Amino acid sequence: MVQKPDYDRLYETAEGQAGYFTSKQARKHGFSWERLSDNVKHGRFLRIFRGVYRLSHFPSMAHEDLFVA
């Protein structure tokens, strides 16, 4: 059974990580690789580097780059 992408749960995950999330976390919430790519293409997610994404509408904050490390 294919899980429907849950944007709200993904936001909850990313919220505690300055808007960042991994592809593994996204898969846990129903996002396939194709769905991630589609969201990047349409500007909803930003691809930071392989396997790491950021919600494009999430507010910036000081030292947010430390969450990626």
N, C-alpha and C. Protein backbone atom coordinates (compact mmCIF):
# COMPACT_ATOMS: atom_id res chain seq x y z
N MET A 1 0.84 -1.19 0.00
CA MET A 1 0.00 0.00 0.00
C MET A 1 0.89 1.25 0.00
N VAL A 2 0.59 2.17 -0.89
CA VAL A 2 1.35 3.41 -1.02
C VAL A 2 0.80 4.43 -0.03
N GLN A 3 1.69 5.01 0.77
CA GLN A 3 1.30 6.00 1.76
C GLN A 3 1.18 7.37 1.10
N LYS A 4 0.11 8.07 1.40
CA LYS A 4 -0.09 9.42 0.87
C LYS A 4 0.86 10.38 1.58
N PRO A 5 1.53 11.28 0.84
CA PRO A 5 2.44 12.24 1.47
C PRO A 5 1.73 13.09 2.52
N ASP A 6 2.33 13.20 3.67
CA ASP A 6 1.75 13.97 4.77
C ASP A 6 2.60 15.22 5.01
N TYR A 7 2.20 16.32 4.39
CA TYR A 7 2.94 17.57 4.48
C TYR A 7 2.96 18.11 5.92
N ASP A 8 1.89 17.93 6.64
CA ASP A 8 1.83 18.43 8.01
C ASP A 8 2.85 17.73 8.90
N ARG A 9 2.95 16.42 8.79
CA ARG A 9 3.92 15.67 9.61
C ARG A 9 5.35 16.01 9.20
N LEU A 10 5.58 16.18 7.91
CA LEU A 10 6.92 16.56 7.46
C LEU A 10 7.28 17.93 8.01
N TYR A 11 6.34 18.85 8.02
CA TYR A 11 6.58 20.18 8.58
C TYR A 11 6.93 20.07 10.06
N GLU A 12 6.21 19.23 10.80
CA GLU A 12 6.50 19.04 12.22
C GLU A 12 7.92 18.54 12.43
N THR A 13 8.35 17.63 11.59
CA THR A 13 9.72 17.12 11.68
C THR A 13 10.72 18.22 11.38
N ALA A 14 10.49 18.94 10.28
CA ALA A 14 11.42 19.98 9.85
C ALA A 14 11.44 21.17 10.80
N GLU A 15 10.33 21.43 11.45
CA GLU A 15 10.21 22.57 12.35
C GLU A 15 11.26 22.51 13.47
N GLY A 16 11.53 21.36 13.98
CA GLY A 16 12.52 21.20 15.04
C GLY A 16 13.96 21.17 14.53
N GLN A 17 14.12 21.31 13.21
CA GLN A 17 15.44 21.24 12.58
C GLN A 17 15.67 22.44 11.67
N ALA A 18 15.13 23.59 12.07
CA ALA A 18 15.29 24.85 11.32
C ALA A 18 14.79 24.76 9.88
N GLY A 19 13.79 23.91 9.65
CA GLY A 19 13.21 23.79 8.31
C GLY A 19 13.86 22.72 7.45
N TYR A 20 14.88 22.07 7.96
CA TYR A 20 15.60 21.04 7.21
C TYR A 20 15.04 19.66 7.51
N PHE A 21 15.18 18.77 6.55
CA PHE A 21 14.79 17.37 6.73
C PHE A 21 15.58 16.51 5.75
N THR A 22 15.65 15.23 6.04
CA THR A 22 16.37 14.31 5.17
C THR A 22 15.39 13.56 4.28
N SER A 23 15.91 12.96 3.24
CA SER A 23 15.06 12.16 2.36
C SER A 23 14.49 10.97 3.13
N LYS A 24 15.25 10.44 4.08
CA LYS A 24 14.77 9.32 4.90
C LYS A 24 13.57 9.76 5.75
N GLN A 25 13.65 10.95 6.34
CA GLN A 25 12.52 11.47 7.11
C GLN A 25 11.31 11.70 6.21
N ALA A 26 11.55 12.21 5.01
CA ALA A 26 10.46 12.44 4.07
C ALA A 26 9.79 11.13 3.67
N ARG A 27 10.58 10.10 3.42
CA ARG A 27 10.01 8.79 3.07
C ARG A 27 9.13 8.27 4.19
N LYS A 28 9.54 8.50 5.43
CA LYS A 28 8.76 8.07 6.59
C LYS A 28 7.36 8.70 6.57
N HIS A 29 7.24 9.88 5.97
CA HIS A 29 5.97 10.60 5.90
C HIS A 29 5.29 10.47 4.54
N GLY A 30 5.72 9.49 3.75
CA GLY A 30 5.02 9.17 2.51
C GLY A 30 5.54 9.83 1.25
N PHE A 31 6.71 10.43 1.28
CA PHE A 31 7.26 11.10 0.11
C PHE A 31 8.24 10.19 -0.62
N SER A 32 7.90 9.82 -1.83
CA SER A 32 8.79 9.04 -2.68
C SER A 32 9.86 9.98 -3.25
N TRP A 33 10.88 9.38 -3.86
CA TRP A 33 11.91 10.19 -4.51
C TRP A 33 11.29 11.08 -5.56
N GLU A 34 10.34 10.54 -6.32
CA GLU A 34 9.69 11.31 -7.37
C GLU A 34 8.91 12.49 -6.79
N ARG A 35 8.25 12.25 -5.65
CA ARG A 35 7.47 13.32 -5.02
C ARG A 35 8.40 14.41 -4.48
N LEU A 36 9.54 14.02 -3.91
CA LEU A 36 10.53 15.01 -3.46
C LEU A 36 11.00 15.86 -4.63
N SER A 37 11.35 15.20 -5.73
CA SER A 37 11.82 15.92 -6.92
C SER A 37 10.77 16.87 -7.45
N ASP A 38 9.53 16.44 -7.45
CA ASP A 38 8.44 17.29 -7.93
C ASP A 38 8.28 18.53 -7.04
N ASN A 39 8.41 18.34 -5.74
CA ASN A 39 8.30 19.47 -4.81
C ASN A 39 9.46 20.44 -4.98
N VAL A 40 10.65 19.93 -5.27
CA VAL A 40 11.80 20.80 -5.55
C VAL A 40 11.55 21.58 -6.84
N LYS A 41 11.08 20.88 -7.86
CA LYS A 41 10.81 21.50 -9.15
C LYS A 41 9.80 22.64 -9.04
N HIS A 42 8.80 22.47 -8.17
CA HIS A 42 7.77 23.48 -8.02
C HIS A 42 8.05 24.48 -6.90
N GLY A 43 9.25 24.41 -6.30
CA GLY A 43 9.67 25.42 -5.33
C GLY A 43 9.20 25.23 -3.91
N ARG A 44 8.55 24.14 -3.62
CA ARG A 44 8.06 23.91 -2.26
C ARG A 44 9.20 23.49 -1.32
N PHE A 45 10.15 22.70 -1.85
CA PHE A 45 11.33 22.26 -1.10
C PHE A 45 12.58 22.76 -1.82
N LEU A 46 13.63 22.99 -1.06
CA LEU A 46 14.95 23.33 -1.61
C LEU A 46 15.86 22.13 -1.37
N ARG A 47 16.58 21.72 -2.40
CA ARG A 47 17.55 20.64 -2.23
C ARG A 47 18.87 21.28 -1.83
N ILE A 48 19.33 21.00 -0.62
CA ILE A 48 20.56 21.59 -0.09
C ILE A 48 21.75 20.81 -0.62
N PHE A 49 21.75 19.53 -0.46
CA PHE A 49 22.67 18.60 -1.09
C PHE A 49 22.04 17.22 -1.01
N ARG A 50 22.71 16.24 -1.55
CA ARG A 50 22.12 14.91 -1.66
C ARG A 50 21.55 14.43 -0.32
N GLY A 51 20.26 14.16 -0.32
CA GLY A 51 19.59 13.63 0.86
C GLY A 51 19.17 14.64 1.90
N VAL A 52 19.45 15.93 1.68
CA VAL A 52 19.07 16.97 2.64
C VAL A 52 18.27 18.05 1.91
N TYR A 53 17.12 18.37 2.48
CA TYR A 53 16.20 19.34 1.89
C TYR A 53 15.80 20.36 2.94
N ARG A 54 15.17 21.44 2.46
CA ARG A 54 14.66 22.47 3.37
C ARG A 54 13.32 22.94 2.83
N LEU A 55 12.40 23.19 3.74
CA LEU A 55 11.12 23.78 3.34
C LEU A 55 11.39 25.20 2.87
N SER A 56 10.99 25.52 1.66
CA SER A 56 11.33 26.83 1.09
C SER A 56 10.64 27.98 1.82
N HIS A 57 9.49 27.74 2.41
CA HIS A 57 8.75 28.82 3.08
C HIS A 57 9.08 28.94 4.57
N PHE A 58 9.99 28.12 5.06
CA PHE A 58 10.32 28.16 6.48
C PHE A 58 11.17 29.40 6.77
N PRO A 59 10.86 30.14 7.83
CA PRO A 59 11.62 31.35 8.14
C PRO A 59 13.10 31.05 8.42
N SER A 60 13.96 31.93 7.98
CA SER A 60 15.39 31.80 8.25
C SER A 60 15.65 32.12 9.71
N MET A 61 16.74 31.55 10.23
CA MET A 61 17.12 31.83 11.60
C MET A 61 18.63 31.81 11.73
N ALA A 62 19.12 32.43 12.76
CA ALA A 62 20.56 32.49 12.99
C ALA A 62 21.12 31.09 13.19
N HIS A 63 22.25 30.84 12.56
CA HIS A 63 22.99 29.59 12.70
C HIS A 63 22.23 28.36 12.20
N GLU A 64 21.27 28.56 11.32
CA GLU A 64 20.50 27.42 10.81
C GLU A 64 21.36 26.41 10.07
N ASP A 65 22.48 26.86 9.52
CA ASP A 65 23.36 25.95 8.80
C ASP A 65 23.95 24.88 9.71
N LEU A 66 23.96 25.11 11.02
CA LEU A 66 24.47 24.11 11.95
C LEU A 66 23.57 22.87 12.01
N PHE A 67 22.30 23.01 11.64
CA PHE A 67 21.40 21.88 11.63
C PHE A 67 21.78 20.89 10.53
N VAL A 68 22.35 21.39 9.46
CA VAL A 68 22.77 20.53 8.36
C VAL A 68 23.98 19.70 8.77
N ALA A 69 24.86 20.30 9.53
CA ALA A 69 26.05 19.60 9.99
C ALA A 69 25.66 18.44 10.85
